[in-house]
Amino acid sequence: MTSDKKISFKMRLLSLLAVILLLVTDQAIKYIVDLKLKGRPAVVVIKNVLQFNYLENDGAMMGFMDGKTAVMTVLAVMCVIAMVAVIF
């Protein structure tokens, strides 16, 4: 039974690290996009196929809750807390 607890702890730790890695990666990508694309024309990667444009969305998916940044922040923090609670 001791080995089961060690495996369980390892899985919980791995899950927590995955959540942290996803959050850091998300914020890093947003920072890089802000540096490279904000206030600049579209960056064409493959002509007529793929280009990157800078757009801002103050809400959630497709503008849902647009302009309610504080509410979205509270919801995001609650989701992260819930994920950590489920892990442990």
Protein backbone atom coordinates (compact mmCIF):
# COMPACT_ATOMS: atom_id res chain seq x y z
CA MET A 1 0.00 0.00 0.00
CA THR A 2 2.95 2.34 0.55
CA SER A 3 3.97 2.09 -3.11
CA ASP A 4 0.40 3.03 -4.17
CA LYS A 5 0.62 6.23 -2.15
CA LYS A 6 3.98 7.09 -3.71
CA ILE A 7 2.59 6.55 -7.20
CA SER A 8 -0.47 8.57 -6.33
CA PHE A 9 1.67 11.43 -5.01
CA LYS A 10 3.87 11.29 -8.12
CA MET A 11 0.80 11.47 -10.37
CA ARG A 12 -0.59 14.40 -8.38
CA LEU A 13 2.71 16.22 -8.59
CA LEU A 14 2.96 15.50 -12.32
CA SER A 15 -0.60 16.78 -12.82
CA LEU A 16 0.14 19.95 -10.87
CA LEU A 17 3.28 20.53 -12.92
CA ALA A 18 1.25 20.03 -16.11
CA VAL A 19 -1.27 22.68 -15.00
CA ILE A 20 1.55 25.10 -14.16
CA LEU A 21 3.29 24.38 -17.49
CA LEU A 22 0.08 25.04 -19.42
CA LEU A 23 -0.51 28.33 -17.61
CA VAL A 24 3.08 29.50 -18.16
CA THR A 25 2.99 28.46 -21.83
CA ASP A 26 -0.32 30.28 -22.38
CA GLN A 27 0.99 33.50 -20.85
CA ALA A 28 4.32 33.26 -22.71
CA ILE A 29 2.57 32.87 -26.07
CA LYS A 30 0.33 35.85 -25.32
CA TYR A 31 3.38 37.94 -24.36
CA ILE A 32 5.27 37.01 -27.54
CA VAL A 33 2.24 37.69 -29.76
CA ASP A 34 1.79 41.06 -28.05
CA LEU A 35 5.45 41.95 -28.71
CA LYS A 36 5.58 40.76 -32.31
CA LEU A 37 2.12 41.52 -33.73
CA LYS A 38 0.44 44.37 -31.80
CA GLY A 39 0.17 47.50 -33.93
CA ARG A 40 1.70 45.83 -36.97
CA PRO A 41 0.28 44.49 -40.22
CA ALA A 42 -0.51 40.81 -40.65
CA VAL A 43 2.42 38.42 -40.78
CA VAL A 44 2.08 36.16 -43.82
CA VAL A 45 3.50 32.69 -43.24
CA ILE A 46 2.17 30.97 -46.39
CA LYS A 47 0.72 33.32 -49.01
CA ASN A 48 -3.07 32.89 -49.43
CA VAL A 49 -3.04 30.09 -46.84
CA LEU A 50 -1.78 31.21 -43.42
CA GLN A 51 -1.28 34.62 -41.85
CA PHE A 52 -1.27 35.94 -38.29
CA ASN A 53 -3.31 39.01 -37.35
CA TYR A 54 -3.35 40.68 -33.94
CA LEU A 55 -6.82 40.81 -32.40
CA GLU A 56 -7.94 41.47 -28.84
CA ASN A 57 -10.91 39.81 -27.17
CA ASP A 58 -11.86 41.14 -23.74
CA GLY A 59 -14.32 38.34 -23.19
CA ALA A 60 -14.34 34.61 -23.61
CA MET A 61 -14.84 32.57 -26.76
CA MET A 62 -16.20 34.61 -29.68
CA GLY A 63 -16.73 37.72 -27.55
CA PHE A 64 -18.93 36.11 -24.91
CA MET A 65 -19.00 38.40 -21.84
CA ASP A 66 -17.16 41.10 -23.79
CA GLY A 67 -15.88 43.88 -21.54
CA LYS A 68 -16.35 41.89 -18.33
CA THR A 69 -12.65 41.29 -17.73
CA ALA A 70 -12.96 41.24 -13.92
CA VAL A 71 -15.62 38.53 -14.04
CA MET A 72 -13.55 36.48 -16.48
CA THR A 73 -10.48 36.83 -14.26
CA VAL A 74 -12.38 35.62 -11.19
CA LEU A 75 -13.77 32.66 -13.17
CA ALA A 76 -10.29 31.75 -14.44
CA VAL A 77 -8.81 31.85 -10.94
CA MET A 78 -11.68 29.72 -9.63
CA CYS A 79 -11.05 27.15 -12.39
CA VAL A 80 -7.35 26.94 -11.55
CA ILE A 81 -8.16 26.53 -7.86
CA ALA A 82 -10.67 23.79 -8.74
CA MET A 83 -8.05 21.98 -10.88
CA VAL A 84 -5.51 22.06 -8.04
CA ALA A 85 -8.19 20.90 -5.57
CA VAL A 86 -9.11 17.96 -7.80
CA ILE A 87 -5.44 17.01 -8.16
CA PHE A 88 -4.95 16.93 -4.39
